[in-house]
């Protein structure tokens, strides 16, 4: 695991360094030409490239800090620092967008003559080509190593290419007709930059809040667990993220009620090994649901209760069924669709219906989470 993290960090840092070099060169060329030509749009484009370089520096710093070894205060590592790094990148992008908007409005109110040449066009064409290549490379590498910072930088670079095209078009219009659209293009650039910054910030906030894990990824893990010959079902799979690709999870598995403790122990070790080997997820806890195989009455009771529960709208799953004949208890977990207008009302109605069917029993229902 540590070797994988070192390899991933090296890829992110190498890609970010390449981005820094490219953006600093682009920023220098655009700033020089923009100042000579008195072009607000090109000057703002240069500032945007410089902010991209700063973003790459933040990405490197975040990656290095996130890769620090676990310690007494942070026993699960420092992986979540990457999310903070992405938020800083988003803040830089937002600052660049606000600055660009203010300067563009100033140029609309107080227009200034521009002096474009064919050198301006050549610099813009080169910048567009570099940004497309850089943005595509960022996104490809970011997707491969699942780096939010690289993916955000890739999206930003492709936005920059689009914006540079708009600057190029406005320059051609000015050189051909004398109509000056520089400041208005600057407003357009500002809007795109601000949109990218807000989206980056919201994505990162969702990561910190704990957004839903990719359903396909969860399904793959469940299939791996259920592939074990002694597992009858996998439920309540919960993954906690401690940084990109750093998951610690827990799950309930259903097994036959005749399994002994030593067999359960061996099964749990197999599951932990297989899930980690195939998916890189550490299962820190495996709970057990016992499936009755010896008492036909319990089996019929389970089937009857399942029919009652499943007859209600919005029921996605019932699991964890158990009964205590001596204490007259029936218990189970039910998962309800979030799309229901009133999930609690449906839950209460299910409990009433099961209680009505089995008035001599205490019904212990749990509204489980749809992970």
Protein backbone atom coordinates (compact mmCIF):
# COMPACT_ATOMS: atom_id res chain seq x y z
CA UNK A 1 0.00 0.00 0.00
CA UNK A 2 2.81 2.37 0.88
CA UNK A 3 4.60 1.64 -2.42
CA UNK A 4 1.38 2.36 -4.33
CA UNK A 5 0.99 5.69 -2.53
CA UNK A 6 4.61 6.66 -3.26
CA UNK A 7 4.12 5.83 -6.94
CA UNK A 8 0.87 7.82 -7.09
CA UNK A 9 2.47 10.83 -5.35
CA UNK A 10 5.39 10.74 -7.79
CA UNK A 11 3.04 10.81 -10.78
CA UNK A 12 1.03 13.73 -9.38
CA UNK A 13 4.16 15.73 -8.56
CA UNK A 14 5.77 15.06 -11.96
CA UNK A 15 2.60 16.10 -13.78
CA UNK A 16 2.23 19.23 -11.64
CA UNK A 17 5.83 20.28 -12.29
CA UNK A 18 5.21 19.98 -16.03
CA UNK A 19 2.14 22.17 -15.61
CA UNK A 20 4.09 24.79 -13.65
CA UNK A 21 6.74 25.09 -16.36
CA UNK A 22 4.16 25.31 -19.16
CA UNK A 23 1.96 27.85 -17.37
CA UNK A 24 4.84 30.11 -16.31
CA UNK A 25 6.13 30.24 -19.89
CA UNK A 26 2.65 30.90 -21.27
CA UNK A 27 2.02 33.57 -18.64
CA UNK A 28 5.29 35.35 -19.46
CA UNK A 29 4.62 35.38 -23.21
CA UNK A 30 1.01 36.48 -22.87
CA UNK A 31 1.80 39.16 -20.29
CA UNK A 32 4.58 40.61 -22.46
CA UNK A 33 2.46 40.69 -25.60
CA UNK A 34 -0.63 41.86 -23.71
CA UNK A 35 1.19 44.80 -22.09
CA UNK A 36 2.80 45.85 -25.37
CA UNK A 37 -0.52 45.63 -27.20
CA UNK A 38 -2.52 47.16 -24.30
CA UNK A 39 -4.79 44.09 -24.46
CA UNK A 40 -6.76 43.58 -21.25
CA UNK A 41 -8.07 40.21 -22.45
CA UNK A 42 -4.61 38.82 -23.10
CA UNK A 43 -3.19 40.28 -19.90
CA UNK A 44 -6.00 38.65 -17.89
CA UNK A 45 -5.36 35.41 -19.75
CA UNK A 46 -1.73 35.67 -18.61
CA UNK A 47 -2.83 36.21 -15.01
CA UNK A 48 -5.06 33.16 -15.31
CA UNK A 49 -2.09 31.08 -16.49
CA UNK A 50 -0.04 32.31 -13.54
CA UNK A 51 -2.82 31.29 -11.15
CA UNK A 52 -2.74 27.84 -12.78
CA UNK A 53 0.98 27.60 -12.00
CA UNK A 54 0.31 28.57 -8.39
CA UNK A 55 -2.44 25.93 -8.27
CA UNK A 56 0.06 23.30 -9.39
CA UNK A 57 2.44 24.37 -6.63
CA UNK A 58 -0.39 23.97 -4.09
CA UNK A 59 -1.16 20.53 -5.56
CA UNK A 60 2.46 19.45 -5.05
CA UNK A 61 2.48 20.77 -1.47
CA UNK A 62 -0.84 19.04 -0.71
CA UNK A 63 0.36 15.76 -2.18
CA UNK A 64 3.60 15.83 -0.17
CA UNK A 65 1.77 16.63 3.07
CA UNK A 66 -0.92 14.00 2.39
CA UNK A 67 1.81 11.40 1.90
CA UNK A 68 3.23 11.82 5.40
CA UNK A 69 3.29 8.68 7.50
CA UNK A 70 0.57 8.08 10.13
CA UNK A 71 1.41 9.32 13.60
CA UNK A 72 -0.08 9.23 17.09
CA UNK A 73 -2.42 12.16 16.41
CA UNK A 74 -3.38 10.94 12.93
CA UNK A 75 -3.30 7.12 13.04
CA UNK A 76 -5.12 6.87 9.69
CA UNK A 77 -2.68 9.12 7.85
CA UNK A 78 -2.93 12.60 6.36
CA UNK A 79 -4.68 11.80 3.06
CA UNK A 80 -7.50 14.30 3.57
CA UNK A 81 -5.02 17.16 3.24
CA UNK A 82 -5.39 16.66 -0.52
CA UNK A 83 -8.97 17.88 -0.22
CA UNK A 84 -7.77 21.02 1.55
CA UNK A 85 -5.23 21.52 -1.22
CA UNK A 86 -8.00 21.32 -3.82
CA UNK A 87 -10.00 23.91 -1.86
CA UNK A 88 -7.01 26.26 -1.90
CA UNK A 89 -6.71 25.75 -5.68
CA UNK A 90 -10.42 26.58 -6.00
CA UNK A 91 -9.95 29.73 -3.89
CA UNK A 92 -7.06 30.84 -6.14
CA UNK A 93 -9.20 30.29 -9.23
CA UNK A 94 -12.07 32.29 -7.67
CA UNK A 95 -9.70 35.14 -6.80
CA UNK A 96 -8.38 35.18 -10.37
CA UNK A 97 -11.94 35.26 -11.70
CA UNK A 98 -13.03 38.15 -9.45
CA UNK A 99 -9.90 40.14 -10.31
CA UNK A 100 -10.43 39.54 -14.03
CA UNK A 101 -14.07 40.65 -13.77
CA UNK A 102 -13.20 43.89 -11.96
CA UNK A 103 -10.46 44.80 -14.47
CA UNK A 104 -12.69 43.98 -17.45
CA UNK A 105 -15.48 46.22 -16.16
CA UNK A 106 -12.94 49.03 -15.70
CA UNK A 107 -11.89 48.65 -19.34
CA UNK A 108 -15.54 48.75 -20.47
CA UNK A 109 -16.06 52.03 -18.57
CA UNK A 110 -12.69 53.47 -19.64
CA UNK A 111 -11.73 51.85 -22.99
CA UNK A 112 -8.09 51.91 -24.15
CA UNK A 113 -6.67 51.62 -27.66
CA UNK A 114 -5.04 48.24 -28.43
CA UNK A 115 -2.19 47.44 -30.83
CA UNK A 116 -2.47 43.84 -32.04
CA UNK A 117 0.03 42.32 -34.44
CA UNK A 118 0.58 38.93 -36.07
CA UNK A 119 2.86 38.15 -33.12
CA UNK A 120 -0.22 38.40 -30.89
CA UNK A 121 -2.02 35.87 -33.03
CA UNK A 122 0.97 33.50 -33.03
CA UNK A 123 1.23 33.61 -29.21
CA UNK A 124 -2.49 32.96 -28.82
CA UNK A 125 -2.45 30.04 -31.29
CA UNK A 126 0.52 28.49 -29.48
CA UNK A 127 -1.16 29.01 -26.10
CA UNK A 128 -4.36 27.31 -27.28
CA UNK A 129 -2.41 24.29 -28.55
CA UNK A 130 -0.39 23.97 -25.32
CA UNK A 131 -3.47 24.31 -23.10
CA UNK A 132 -5.40 21.63 -24.99
CA UNK A 133 -2.47 19.22 -24.73
CA UNK A 134 -1.86 20.10 -21.06
CA UNK A 135 -5.54 19.87 -20.09
CA UNK A 136 -5.99 16.51 -21.79
CA UNK A 137 -2.84 15.17 -20.12
CA UNK A 138 -3.90 16.46 -16.69
CA UNK A 139 -7.30 14.79 -16.93
CA UNK A 140 -5.89 11.50 -18.22
CA UNK A 141 -3.33 11.28 -15.41
CA UNK A 142 -5.79 12.61 -12.80
CA UNK A 143 -8.33 9.96 -13.73
CA UNK A 144 -5.68 7.22 -13.66
CA UNK A 145 -4.44 8.12 -10.15
CA UNK A 146 -7.81 9.51 -8.93
CA UNK A 147 -6.43 12.93 -8.05
CA UNK A 148 -9.10 15.60 -7.58
CA UNK A 149 -6.49 18.37 -7.87
CA UNK A 150 -5.20 17.12 -11.24
CA UNK A 151 -8.72 16.61 -12.59
CA UNK A 152 -9.62 20.15 -11.51
CA UNK A 153 -6.45 21.53 -13.12
CA UNK A 154 -7.23 19.61 -16.32
CA UNK A 155 -10.73 21.04 -16.51
CA UNK A 156 -9.36 24.51 -15.83
CA UNK A 157 -6.74 24.14 -18.59
CA UNK A 158 -9.36 23.11 -21.16
CA UNK A 159 -11.47 26.10 -20.09
CA UNK A 160 -8.40 28.27 -20.64
CA UNK A 161 -8.06 26.92 -24.18
CA UNK A 162 -11.67 27.86 -24.92
CA UNK A 163 -11.15 31.32 -23.46
CA UNK A 164 -7.95 31.82 -25.44
CA UNK A 165 -9.93 30.98 -28.58
CA UNK A 166 -12.38 33.75 -27.65
CA UNK A 167 -9.47 36.18 -27.22
CA UNK A 168 -8.09 35.09 -30.62
CA UNK A 169 -11.48 35.63 -32.29
CA UNK A 170 -11.89 39.09 -30.74
CA UNK A 171 -8.38 39.97 -31.89
CA UNK A 172 -9.14 38.90 -35.46
CA UNK A 173 -12.39 40.91 -35.39
CA UNK A 174 -10.52 44.00 -34.18
CA UNK A 175 -7.77 43.64 -36.77
CA UNK A 176 -10.32 43.14 -39.54
CA UNK A 177 -13.06 45.61 -38.61
CA UNK A 178 -11.72 47.89 -35.89
CA UNK A 179 -14.50 46.81 -33.52
CA UNK A 180 -13.01 46.44 -30.02
CA UNK A 181 -14.46 43.58 -27.97
CA UNK A 182 -11.49 43.05 -25.65
CA UNK A 183 -13.13 44.13 -22.41
CA UNK A 184 -16.32 42.17 -23.12
CA UNK A 185 -14.28 39.06 -23.85
CA UNK A 186 -12.56 39.72 -20.51
CA UNK A 187 -15.98 39.58 -18.78
CA UNK A 188 -16.66 36.28 -20.56
CA UNK A 189 -13.30 34.92 -19.38
CA UNK A 190 -14.12 36.02 -15.83
CA UNK A 191 -17.44 34.21 -15.88
CA UNK A 192 -15.82 30.96 -17.02
CA UNK A 193 -13.09 31.23 -14.40
CA UNK A 194 -15.62 31.89 -11.61
CA UNK A 195 -17.80 28.98 -12.75
CA UNK A 196 -14.80 26.63 -12.67
CA UNK A 197 -13.79 27.86 -9.22
CA UNK A 198 -17.28 27.42 -7.74
CA UNK A 199 -17.58 23.88 -9.16
CA UNK A 200 -14.18 22.91 -7.79
CA UNK A 201 -15.08 24.28 -4.35
CA UNK A 202 -18.45 22.48 -4.25
CA UNK A 203 -16.91 19.16 -5.34
CA UNK A 204 -14.33 19.36 -2.57
CA UNK A 205 -16.91 20.34 0.06
CA UNK A 206 -18.90 17.25 -0.95
CA UNK A 207 -15.82 15.09 -0.44
CA UNK A 208 -15.28 16.53 3.04
CA UNK A 209 -18.96 16.12 3.96
CA UNK A 210 -18.85 12.48 2.89
CA UNK A 211 -20.51 12.03 -0.49
CA UNK A 212 -21.90 8.73 -1.75
CA UNK A 213 -19.26 6.27 -2.88
CA UNK A 214 -19.48 5.20 -6.53
CA UNK A 215 -22.29 2.55 -6.60
CA UNK A 216 -20.40 0.41 -9.12
CA UNK A 217 -17.35 0.34 -6.84
CA UNK A 218 -19.54 -0.80 -3.93
CA UNK A 219 -21.16 -3.45 -6.14
CA UNK A 220 -17.74 -4.80 -7.10
CA UNK A 221 -16.78 -5.15 -3.43
CA UNK A 222 -20.08 -6.88 -2.62
CA UNK A 223 -19.52 -9.32 -5.48
CA UNK A 224 -16.06 -10.11 -4.15
CA UNK A 225 -17.49 -10.75 -0.68
CA UNK A 226 -20.40 -12.85 -1.93
CA UNK A 227 -18.04 -14.93 -4.06
CA UNK A 228 -16.91 -16.63 -0.85
CA UNK A 229 -18.64 -20.00 -0.61
CA UNK A 230 -19.71 -19.44 3.02
CA UNK A 231 -21.29 -16.01 2.49
CA UNK A 232 -25.04 -15.90 1.73
CA UNK A 233 -25.24 -12.11 1.39
CA UNK A 234 -23.41 -8.83 2.07
CA UNK A 235 -25.18 -5.83 3.63
CA UNK A 236 -24.49 -2.46 5.27
CA UNK A 237 -21.23 -1.95 3.38
CA UNK A 238 -19.84 1.38 4.62
CA UNK A 239 -16.66 2.99 3.34
CA UNK A 240 -14.92 5.89 5.08
CA UNK A 241 -12.54 7.95 2.95
CA UNK A 242 -9.27 9.17 4.43
CA UNK A 243 -8.05 10.73 1.21
CA UNK A 244 -8.25 9.72 -2.46
CA UNK A 245 -8.19 5.94 -2.81
CA UNK A 246 -7.82 5.46 0.96
CA UNK A 247 -10.86 3.60 2.20
CA UNK A 248 -11.54 1.83 5.48
CA UNK A 249 -14.81 -0.04 5.63
CA UNK A 250 -17.15 -2.36 7.46
CA UNK A 251 -19.81 -4.82 6.31
CA UNK A 252 -22.35 -7.32 7.58
CA UNK A 253 -22.31 -10.77 6.00
CA UNK A 254 -25.04 -13.37 6.26
CA UNK A 255 -23.89 -16.90 7.09
CA UNK A 256 -25.52 -20.15 8.11
CA UNK A 257 -26.45 -20.34 11.77
CA UNK A 258 -24.50 -23.60 12.13
CA UNK A 259 -21.11 -21.99 11.50
CA UNK A 260 -18.66 -22.24 14.39
CA UNK A 261 -16.46 -19.43 15.64
CA UNK A 262 -13.29 -20.89 14.11
CA UNK A 263 -14.90 -21.11 10.64
CA UNK A 264 -16.22 -17.55 10.96
CA UNK A 265 -12.75 -16.33 11.92
CA UNK A 266 -11.17 -17.98 8.87
CA UNK A 267 -13.89 -16.59 6.61
CA UNK A 268 -13.39 -13.05 7.92
CA UNK A 269 -9.65 -13.24 7.27
CA UNK A 270 -10.29 -14.48 3.70
CA UNK A 271 -12.71 -11.63 3.06
CA UNK A 272 -10.30 -9.00 4.39
CA UNK A 273 -7.47 -10.35 2.22
CA UNK A 274 -9.52 -10.65 -0.96
CA UNK A 275 -11.20 -7.23 -0.67
CA UNK A 276 -7.89 -5.50 0.00
CA UNK A 277 -6.09 -7.35 -2.80
CA UNK A 278 -8.77 -6.62 -5.41
CA UNK A 279 -10.03 -3.19 -4.35
CA UNK A 280 -7.47 -1.64 -1.99
CA UNK A 281 -10.11 -1.34 0.75
CA UNK A 282 -9.31 -2.31 4.32
CA UNK A 283 -12.29 -3.99 6.00
CA UNK A 284 -11.81 -3.01 9.63
CA UNK A 285 -14.97 -4.74 10.81
CA UNK A 286 -17.14 -7.63 9.63
CA UNK A 287 -20.43 -8.21 11.42
CA UNK A 288 -22.44 -11.42 11.22
CA UNK A 289 -26.09 -12.08 10.41
CA UNK A 290 -27.10 -15.70 11.12
CA UNK A 291 -29.39 -17.27 8.53
CA UNK A 292 -31.61 -19.98 9.99
CA UNK A 293 -31.15 -23.38 8.37
CA UNK A 294 -32.41 -25.71 11.12
CA UNK A 295 -35.89 -24.49 12.07
CA UNK A 296 -38.57 -24.55 9.36
CA UNK A 297 -40.90 -22.39 11.47
CA UNK A 298 -38.34 -19.57 11.56
CA UNK A 299 -37.83 -19.87 7.80
CA UNK A 300 -41.58 -19.57 7.16
CA UNK A 301 -41.79 -16.63 9.56
CA UNK A 302 -39.00 -14.86 7.73
CA UNK A 303 -40.70 -15.40 4.34
CA UNK A 304 -44.02 -14.10 5.64
CA UNK A 305 -42.51 -10.97 7.19
CA UNK A 306 -40.54 -10.32 4.00
CA UNK A 307 -43.75 -10.44 1.95
CA UNK A 308 -45.45 -7.94 4.26
CA UNK A 309 -42.54 -5.52 4.20
CA UNK A 310 -41.93 -5.80 0.43
CA UNK A 311 -45.57 -5.00 -0.33
CA UNK A 312 -44.98 -1.38 0.67
CA UNK A 313 -43.91 1.28 -1.79
CA UNK A 314 -40.28 2.37 -1.70
CA UNK A 315 -38.86 -0.68 0.08
CA UNK A 316 -35.44 -1.39 -1.44
CA UNK A 317 -34.30 -4.19 0.82
CA UNK A 318 -34.99 -6.15 4.00
CA UNK A 319 -32.10 -7.93 5.74
CA UNK A 320 -30.66 -8.88 9.10
CA UNK A 321 -33.77 -10.85 10.04
CA UNK A 322 -33.70 -12.53 13.44
CA UNK A 323 -36.19 -13.94 15.92
CA UNK A 324 -36.07 -14.90 19.56
CA UNK A 325 -38.91 -17.42 20.12
CA UNK A 326 -38.49 -17.43 23.90
CA UNK A 327 -38.68 -13.65 24.30
CA UNK A 328 -41.08 -13.36 21.36
CA UNK A 329 -39.00 -10.86 19.40
CA UNK A 330 -38.83 -10.30 15.63
CA UNK A 331 -36.15 -7.97 14.33
CA UNK A 332 -34.89 -6.85 10.92
CA UNK A 333 -33.45 -3.90 8.98
CA UNK A 334 -35.31 -2.24 6.12
CA UNK A 335 -33.92 0.16 3.51
CA UNK A 336 -36.33 2.76 2.11
CA UNK A 337 -35.89 4.83 -1.04
CA UNK A 338 -34.83 8.45 -0.41
CA UNK A 339 -37.31 9.44 -3.14
CA UNK A 340 -40.24 8.70 -0.82
CA UNK A 341 -42.06 11.84 0.26
CA UNK A 342 -42.25 10.69 3.90
CA UNK A 343 -39.94 7.76 4.65
CA UNK A 344 -40.79 7.78 8.36
CA UNK A 345 -44.50 7.46 7.65
CA UNK A 346 -43.85 4.42 5.44
CA UNK A 347 -41.55 2.97 8.11
CA UNK A 348 -44.23 3.41 10.80
CA UNK A 349 -46.86 1.79 8.57
CA UNK A 350 -44.62 -1.23 7.92
CA UNK A 351 -44.11 -1.67 11.64
CA UNK A 352 -47.87 -1.47 12.29
CA UNK A 353 -48.59 -4.06 9.59
CA UNK A 354 -45.98 -6.52 10.87
CA UNK A 355 -47.19 -5.98 14.44
CA UNK A 356 -50.78 -6.61 13.37
CA UNK A 357 -49.76 -9.88 11.74
CA UNK A 358 -47.82 -10.98 14.82
CA UNK A 359 -49.46 -9.32 17.85
CA UNK A 360 -47.73 -11.68 20.31
CA UNK A 361 -44.27 -10.51 19.22
CA UNK A 362 -42.24 -7.38 19.92
CA UNK A 363 -41.22 -5.93 16.54
CA UNK A 364 -37.77 -4.35 16.43
CA UNK A 365 -37.26 -2.62 13.12
CA UNK A 366 -34.31 -0.47 12.05
CA UNK A 367 -34.46 2.02 9.18
CA UNK A 368 -31.13 1.32 7.54
CA UNK A 369 -29.20 3.70 5.29
CA UNK A 370 -29.17 3.28 1.53
CA UNK A 371 -25.40 3.45 0.97
